[in-house]
Amino acid sequence: MPIRVARITAFTVVLIFLFEFSRRVSDKLGNEDVPGLLAAVGVVALLFSIRAVVTESAMGPEAAGQKDFLWGVSLGCWTTILVRLIEPYIAN
């Protein structure tokens, strides 16, 4: 179980890091945020969350890596959305 939590956490942290890195590079290049980006990330998060729940109940222990990936990506997406929503309040 601890290895599973570590894998899910690793996927989550990597996704958050890559999203933030991409955003900072985009800001440095002078690009604006794409309208509807959070909505798109929300849809991806919802789809990965649904897939994670279904995979968790339908597949056996042989799919542990796939299940951990799905949980990690969904948690990473939800965390990214949460951070982007509260960022204006904590930045000041």
Protein backbone atom coordinates (compact mmCIF):
# COMPACT_ATOMS: atom_id res chain seq x y z
CA MET A 1 0.00 0.00 0.00
CA PRO A 2 2.75 2.58 0.76
CA ILE A 3 4.28 2.00 -2.68
CA ARG A 4 0.91 2.66 -4.26
CA VAL A 5 0.51 5.95 -2.40
CA ALA A 6 4.04 6.91 -3.45
CA ARG A 7 3.29 6.21 -7.12
CA ILE A 8 0.02 8.16 -7.04
CA THR A 9 1.76 11.05 -5.31
CA ALA A 10 4.59 10.98 -7.85
CA PHE A 11 2.17 11.16 -10.78
CA THR A 12 0.27 13.98 -9.08
CA VAL A 13 3.35 16.05 -8.30
CA VAL A 14 4.83 15.59 -11.78
CA LEU A 15 1.58 16.69 -13.44
CA ILE A 16 1.29 19.77 -11.23
CA PHE A 17 4.95 20.65 -11.84
CA LEU A 18 4.63 20.26 -15.63
CA PHE A 19 1.44 22.31 -15.76
CA GLU A 20 2.99 25.12 -13.72
CA PHE A 21 6.24 24.98 -15.72
CA SER A 22 4.29 25.22 -18.97
CA ARG A 23 2.34 28.17 -17.63
CA ARG A 24 5.47 30.03 -16.56
CA VAL A 25 7.17 29.44 -19.91
CA SER A 26 4.04 30.71 -21.64
CA ASP A 27 4.05 33.82 -19.44
CA LYS A 28 7.73 34.48 -20.19
CA LEU A 29 7.01 34.26 -23.92
CA GLY A 30 4.20 36.78 -23.54
CA ASN A 31 1.35 34.40 -24.28
CA GLU A 32 -1.99 34.84 -22.59
CA ASP A 33 -3.90 32.12 -20.77
CA VAL A 34 -6.23 30.26 -23.07
CA PRO A 35 -9.88 31.03 -22.28
CA GLY A 36 -11.62 27.97 -20.89
CA LEU A 37 -8.41 26.23 -19.89
CA LEU A 38 -9.64 25.44 -16.39
CA ALA A 39 -12.88 24.06 -17.80
CA ALA A 40 -10.91 21.79 -20.13
CA VAL A 41 -8.68 20.61 -17.28
CA GLY A 42 -11.84 20.04 -15.24
CA VAL A 43 -13.30 17.82 -17.94
CA VAL A 44 -10.06 15.85 -18.14
CA ALA A 45 -10.03 15.53 -14.34
CA LEU A 46 -13.61 14.29 -14.32
CA LEU A 47 -12.95 11.75 -17.07
CA PHE A 48 -9.81 10.43 -15.38
CA SER A 49 -11.62 10.26 -12.03
CA ILE A 50 -14.47 8.25 -13.52
CA ARG A 51 -12.02 5.98 -15.29
CA ALA A 52 -10.04 5.51 -12.07
CA VAL A 53 -13.15 4.50 -10.12
CA VAL A 54 -14.29 2.08 -12.82
CA THR A 55 -10.81 0.59 -13.23
CA GLU A 56 -10.42 0.24 -9.48
CA SER A 57 -13.55 -1.86 -9.21
CA ALA A 58 -13.30 -3.76 -12.49
CA MET A 59 -9.64 -4.73 -12.76
CA GLY A 60 -7.55 -6.88 -10.51
CA PRO A 61 -4.17 -6.27 -8.92
CA GLU A 62 -2.34 -6.78 -12.23
CA ALA A 63 -3.49 -3.31 -13.31
CA ALA A 64 -2.03 -1.52 -10.28
CA GLY A 65 0.22 0.72 -12.39
CA GLN A 66 -2.66 1.79 -14.61
CA LYS A 67 -4.89 2.48 -11.62
CA ASP A 68 -2.18 4.51 -9.90
CA PHE A 69 -1.61 6.52 -13.07
CA LEU A 70 -5.32 7.29 -13.40
CA TRP A 71 -5.62 8.35 -9.76
CA GLY A 72 -2.44 10.44 -10.00
CA VAL A 73 -3.55 12.28 -13.13
CA SER A 74 -7.03 12.94 -11.78
CA LEU A 75 -5.66 14.23 -8.46
CA GLY A 76 -3.10 16.32 -10.32
CA CYS A 77 -5.81 17.89 -12.47
CA TRP A 78 -8.06 18.61 -9.49
CA THR A 79 -5.16 20.10 -7.55
CA THR A 80 -4.15 22.24 -10.52
CA ILE A 81 -7.68 23.61 -10.76
CA LEU A 82 -7.81 24.29 -7.04
CA VAL A 83 -4.48 26.10 -7.06
CA ARG A 84 -5.47 28.21 -10.07
CA LEU A 85 -8.77 29.17 -8.41
CA ILE A 86 -7.27 30.21 -5.07
CA GLU A 87 -4.12 31.76 -6.54
CA PRO A 88 -5.57 35.29 -6.87
CA TYR A 89 -6.51 35.26 -3.19
CA ILE A 90 -3.14 34.09 -1.88
CA ALA A 91 -0.97 36.11 -4.29
CA ASN A 92 -1.80 39.43 -2.62
